[in-house]
N, C-alpha and C. Protein backbone atom coordinates (compact mmCIF):
# COMPACT_ATOMS: atom_id res chain seq x y z
N UNK A 1 -40.23 106.51 46.56
CA UNK A 1 -39.21 105.54 46.24
C UNK A 1 -38.93 105.62 44.73
N UNK A 2 -37.65 105.64 44.35
CA UNK A 2 -37.32 105.66 42.93
C UNK A 2 -37.59 104.30 42.33
N UNK A 3 -37.59 104.23 41.01
CA UNK A 3 -37.85 102.94 40.37
C UNK A 3 -36.75 101.93 40.70
N UNK A 4 -35.51 102.38 40.84
CA UNK A 4 -34.42 101.46 41.21
C UNK A 4 -34.63 100.95 42.63
N UNK A 5 -35.02 101.84 43.55
CA UNK A 5 -35.27 101.41 44.93
C UNK A 5 -36.44 100.44 44.98
N UNK A 6 -37.47 100.70 44.20
CA UNK A 6 -38.63 99.83 44.15
C UNK A 6 -38.25 98.45 43.59
N UNK A 7 -37.42 98.44 42.57
CA UNK A 7 -36.97 97.17 41.98
C UNK A 7 -36.17 96.36 42.98
N UNK A 8 -35.27 97.02 43.70
CA UNK A 8 -34.46 96.33 44.71
C UNK A 8 -35.35 95.80 45.83
N UNK A 9 -36.33 96.57 46.26
CA UNK A 9 -37.25 96.12 47.31
C UNK A 9 -38.02 94.88 46.86
N UNK A 10 -38.49 94.88 45.63
CA UNK A 10 -39.21 93.71 45.08
C UNK A 10 -38.28 92.51 44.99
N UNK A 11 -37.05 92.74 44.55
CA UNK A 11 -36.06 91.68 44.42
C UNK A 11 -35.77 91.05 45.78
N UNK A 12 -35.62 91.87 46.80
CA UNK A 12 -35.34 91.35 48.14
C UNK A 12 -36.52 90.55 48.68
N UNK A 13 -37.73 91.03 48.45
CA UNK A 13 -38.92 90.30 48.91
C UNK A 13 -39.02 88.94 48.20
N UNK A 14 -38.76 88.91 46.91
CA UNK A 14 -38.77 87.67 46.14
C UNK A 14 -37.72 86.71 46.69
N UNK A 15 -36.50 87.21 46.92
CA UNK A 15 -35.43 86.37 47.44
C UNK A 15 -35.79 85.76 48.79
N UNK A 16 -36.45 86.54 49.62
CA UNK A 16 -36.85 86.05 50.93
C UNK A 16 -37.84 84.89 50.81
N UNK A 17 -38.80 85.02 49.91
CA UNK A 17 -39.79 83.95 49.69
C UNK A 17 -39.10 82.69 49.17
N UNK A 18 -38.22 82.85 48.19
CA UNK A 18 -37.51 81.71 47.61
C UNK A 18 -36.64 81.03 48.66
N UNK A 19 -35.92 81.80 49.44
CA UNK A 19 -35.05 81.24 50.47
C UNK A 19 -35.85 80.49 51.52
N UNK A 20 -36.96 81.07 51.97
CA UNK A 20 -37.82 80.41 52.96
C UNK A 20 -38.37 79.10 52.42
N UNK A 21 -38.84 79.10 51.19
CA UNK A 21 -39.39 77.89 50.58
C UNK A 21 -38.32 76.80 50.46
N UNK A 22 -37.14 77.18 50.04
CA UNK A 22 -36.05 76.22 49.90
C UNK A 22 -35.70 75.61 51.25
N UNK A 23 -35.63 76.42 52.27
CA UNK A 23 -35.32 75.90 53.62
C UNK A 23 -36.41 74.93 54.09
N UNK A 24 -37.67 75.30 53.86
CA UNK A 24 -38.79 74.43 54.25
C UNK A 24 -38.70 73.07 53.58
N UNK A 25 -38.27 73.06 52.34
CA UNK A 25 -38.25 71.82 51.55
C UNK A 25 -36.90 71.13 51.54
N UNK A 26 -35.91 71.72 52.19
CA UNK A 26 -34.60 71.11 52.26
C UNK A 26 -33.79 71.22 50.98
N UNK A 27 -34.09 72.20 50.17
CA UNK A 27 -33.37 72.41 48.92
C UNK A 27 -32.12 73.25 49.18
N UNK A 28 -31.05 72.96 48.46
CA UNK A 28 -29.86 73.82 48.62
C UNK A 28 -30.14 75.21 48.02
N UNK A 29 -29.60 76.22 48.67
CA UNK A 29 -29.77 77.59 48.20
C UNK A 29 -28.43 78.30 48.22
N UNK A 30 -28.13 78.97 47.16
CA UNK A 30 -26.96 79.84 47.12
C UNK A 30 -27.49 81.26 47.27
N UNK A 31 -27.35 81.82 48.44
CA UNK A 31 -27.90 83.15 48.72
C UNK A 31 -26.94 84.21 48.21
N UNK A 32 -27.05 84.49 46.91
CA UNK A 32 -26.17 85.48 46.30
C UNK A 32 -26.45 86.88 46.81
N UNK A 33 -27.67 87.14 47.22
CA UNK A 33 -28.00 88.47 47.75
C UNK A 33 -27.17 88.73 49.01
N UNK A 34 -27.13 87.77 49.92
CA UNK A 34 -26.35 87.94 51.14
C UNK A 34 -24.86 88.05 50.82
N UNK A 35 -24.38 87.24 49.89
CA UNK A 35 -22.97 87.29 49.52
C UNK A 35 -22.62 88.61 48.85
N UNK A 36 -23.53 89.11 48.03
CA UNK A 36 -23.28 90.39 47.34
C UNK A 36 -23.21 91.52 48.35
N UNK A 37 -24.10 91.50 49.32
CA UNK A 37 -24.11 92.57 50.33
C UNK A 37 -22.83 92.56 51.16
N UNK A 38 -22.18 91.40 51.25
CA UNK A 38 -20.93 91.30 52.00
C UNK A 38 -19.71 91.59 51.13
N UNK A 39 -19.92 91.76 49.83
CA UNK A 39 -18.81 92.03 48.91
C UNK A 39 -18.22 93.41 49.21
N UNK A 40 -16.90 93.55 49.07
CA UNK A 40 -16.26 94.82 49.42
C UNK A 40 -16.62 95.98 48.50
N UNK A 41 -16.91 95.71 47.23
CA UNK A 41 -17.21 96.80 46.29
C UNK A 41 -18.53 96.50 45.56
N UNK A 42 -19.61 96.59 46.32
CA UNK A 42 -20.94 96.25 45.81
C UNK A 42 -21.30 97.05 44.56
N UNK A 43 -20.96 98.32 44.53
CA UNK A 43 -21.31 99.16 43.38
C UNK A 43 -20.67 98.67 42.08
N UNK A 44 -19.55 97.97 42.18
CA UNK A 44 -18.89 97.45 40.98
C UNK A 44 -19.59 96.22 40.42
N UNK A 45 -20.44 95.59 41.24
CA UNK A 45 -21.11 94.37 40.80
C UNK A 45 -22.42 94.63 40.07
N UNK A 46 -23.09 95.74 40.40
CA UNK A 46 -24.42 96.00 39.87
C UNK A 46 -24.48 97.28 39.03
N UNK A 47 -25.37 97.25 38.06
CA UNK A 47 -25.68 98.47 37.31
C UNK A 47 -26.45 99.42 38.22
N UNK A 48 -26.73 100.60 37.75
CA UNK A 48 -27.41 101.62 38.55
C UNK A 48 -28.78 101.19 39.05
N UNK A 49 -29.43 100.22 38.35
CA UNK A 49 -30.76 99.78 38.79
C UNK A 49 -30.72 98.90 40.03
N UNK A 50 -29.52 98.48 40.44
CA UNK A 50 -29.38 97.66 41.63
C UNK A 50 -29.81 96.22 41.47
N UNK A 51 -30.16 95.81 40.28
CA UNK A 51 -30.64 94.45 40.02
C UNK A 51 -29.71 93.71 39.07
N UNK A 52 -29.41 94.33 37.96
CA UNK A 52 -28.63 93.67 36.91
C UNK A 52 -27.13 93.81 37.16
N UNK A 53 -26.41 92.77 36.75
CA UNK A 53 -24.97 92.73 36.99
C UNK A 53 -24.17 93.47 35.92
N UNK A 54 -23.07 94.06 36.36
CA UNK A 54 -22.07 94.62 35.45
C UNK A 54 -21.23 93.45 34.92
N UNK A 55 -20.35 93.67 33.94
CA UNK A 55 -19.46 92.58 33.53
C UNK A 55 -18.63 92.03 34.70
N UNK A 56 -18.17 92.90 35.57
CA UNK A 56 -17.43 92.44 36.76
C UNK A 56 -18.35 91.62 37.66
N UNK A 57 -19.59 92.05 37.77
CA UNK A 57 -20.56 91.30 38.57
C UNK A 57 -20.84 89.92 38.00
N UNK A 58 -20.89 89.82 36.68
CA UNK A 58 -21.09 88.52 36.04
C UNK A 58 -19.91 87.59 36.31
N UNK A 59 -18.70 88.13 36.30
CA UNK A 59 -17.52 87.33 36.67
C UNK A 59 -17.64 86.85 38.11
N UNK A 60 -18.04 87.75 38.98
CA UNK A 60 -18.19 87.41 40.39
C UNK A 60 -19.23 86.30 40.58
N UNK A 61 -20.40 86.46 39.95
CA UNK A 61 -21.47 85.48 40.13
C UNK A 61 -21.07 84.11 39.57
N UNK A 62 -20.34 84.08 38.47
CA UNK A 62 -19.92 82.78 37.92
C UNK A 62 -18.95 82.09 38.87
N UNK A 63 -18.09 82.84 39.52
CA UNK A 63 -17.19 82.26 40.51
C UNK A 63 -17.93 81.72 41.72
N UNK A 64 -18.92 82.47 42.19
CA UNK A 64 -19.73 82.03 43.33
C UNK A 64 -20.49 80.75 42.98
N UNK A 65 -21.05 80.70 41.79
CA UNK A 65 -21.78 79.49 41.36
C UNK A 65 -20.85 78.29 41.25
N UNK A 66 -19.68 78.49 40.66
CA UNK A 66 -18.72 77.39 40.51
C UNK A 66 -18.31 76.84 41.87
N UNK A 67 -18.03 77.73 42.83
CA UNK A 67 -17.63 77.27 44.16
C UNK A 67 -18.77 76.51 44.84
N UNK A 68 -19.99 76.99 44.70
CA UNK A 68 -21.14 76.32 45.33
C UNK A 68 -21.36 74.94 44.72
N UNK A 69 -21.25 74.84 43.42
CA UNK A 69 -21.43 73.54 42.75
C UNK A 69 -20.34 72.58 43.19
N UNK A 70 -19.11 73.05 43.27
CA UNK A 70 -18.02 72.19 43.72
C UNK A 70 -18.25 71.70 45.15
N UNK A 71 -18.78 72.56 46.01
CA UNK A 71 -19.05 72.15 47.40
C UNK A 71 -20.14 71.08 47.45
N UNK A 72 -21.17 71.25 46.64
CA UNK A 72 -22.25 70.26 46.60
C UNK A 72 -21.72 68.92 46.09
N UNK A 73 -20.93 68.97 45.02
CA UNK A 73 -20.37 67.73 44.47
C UNK A 73 -19.44 67.05 45.47
N UNK A 74 -18.62 67.84 46.15
CA UNK A 74 -17.70 67.27 47.14
C UNK A 74 -18.48 66.62 48.28
N UNK A 75 -19.56 67.25 48.71
CA UNK A 75 -20.38 66.69 49.79
C UNK A 75 -21.02 65.37 49.36
N UNK A 76 -21.27 65.23 48.07
CA UNK A 76 -21.87 64.00 47.54
C UNK A 76 -20.80 62.97 47.18
N UNK A 77 -19.53 63.33 47.35
CA UNK A 77 -18.45 62.40 47.06
C UNK A 77 -18.02 62.37 45.61
N UNK A 78 -18.51 63.30 44.81
CA UNK A 78 -18.14 63.35 43.40
C UNK A 78 -16.77 64.04 43.26
N UNK A 79 -15.98 63.63 42.29
CA UNK A 79 -14.70 64.31 42.09
C UNK A 79 -14.91 65.75 41.62
N UNK A 80 -14.04 66.64 42.08
CA UNK A 80 -14.07 68.04 41.65
C UNK A 80 -12.74 68.41 41.06
N UNK A 81 -12.73 69.50 40.32
CA UNK A 81 -11.48 69.95 39.71
C UNK A 81 -10.65 70.67 40.76
N UNK A 82 -9.38 70.72 40.56
CA UNK A 82 -8.48 71.49 41.44
C UNK A 82 -8.10 72.76 40.73
N UNK A 83 -8.28 73.93 41.41
CA UNK A 83 -7.95 75.21 40.76
C UNK A 83 -6.48 75.36 40.50
């Protein structure tokens, strides 16, 4: 396994543990790994190491975070901004 493959394997194992723990405790989780894998141009989001984001990936992740926060706030009845 290359170092990039090893890093991605470790990252996925870590994400699985975090996701399982959050579900057990009822914590909200934004599963960016699953969303990234469903993205149409995955290679544009990550550097060659498969872990760190490209500038385009950083734009993508900030949008995903903003949408998730807005959904949580809306579910709690808090006002949200309109795009």
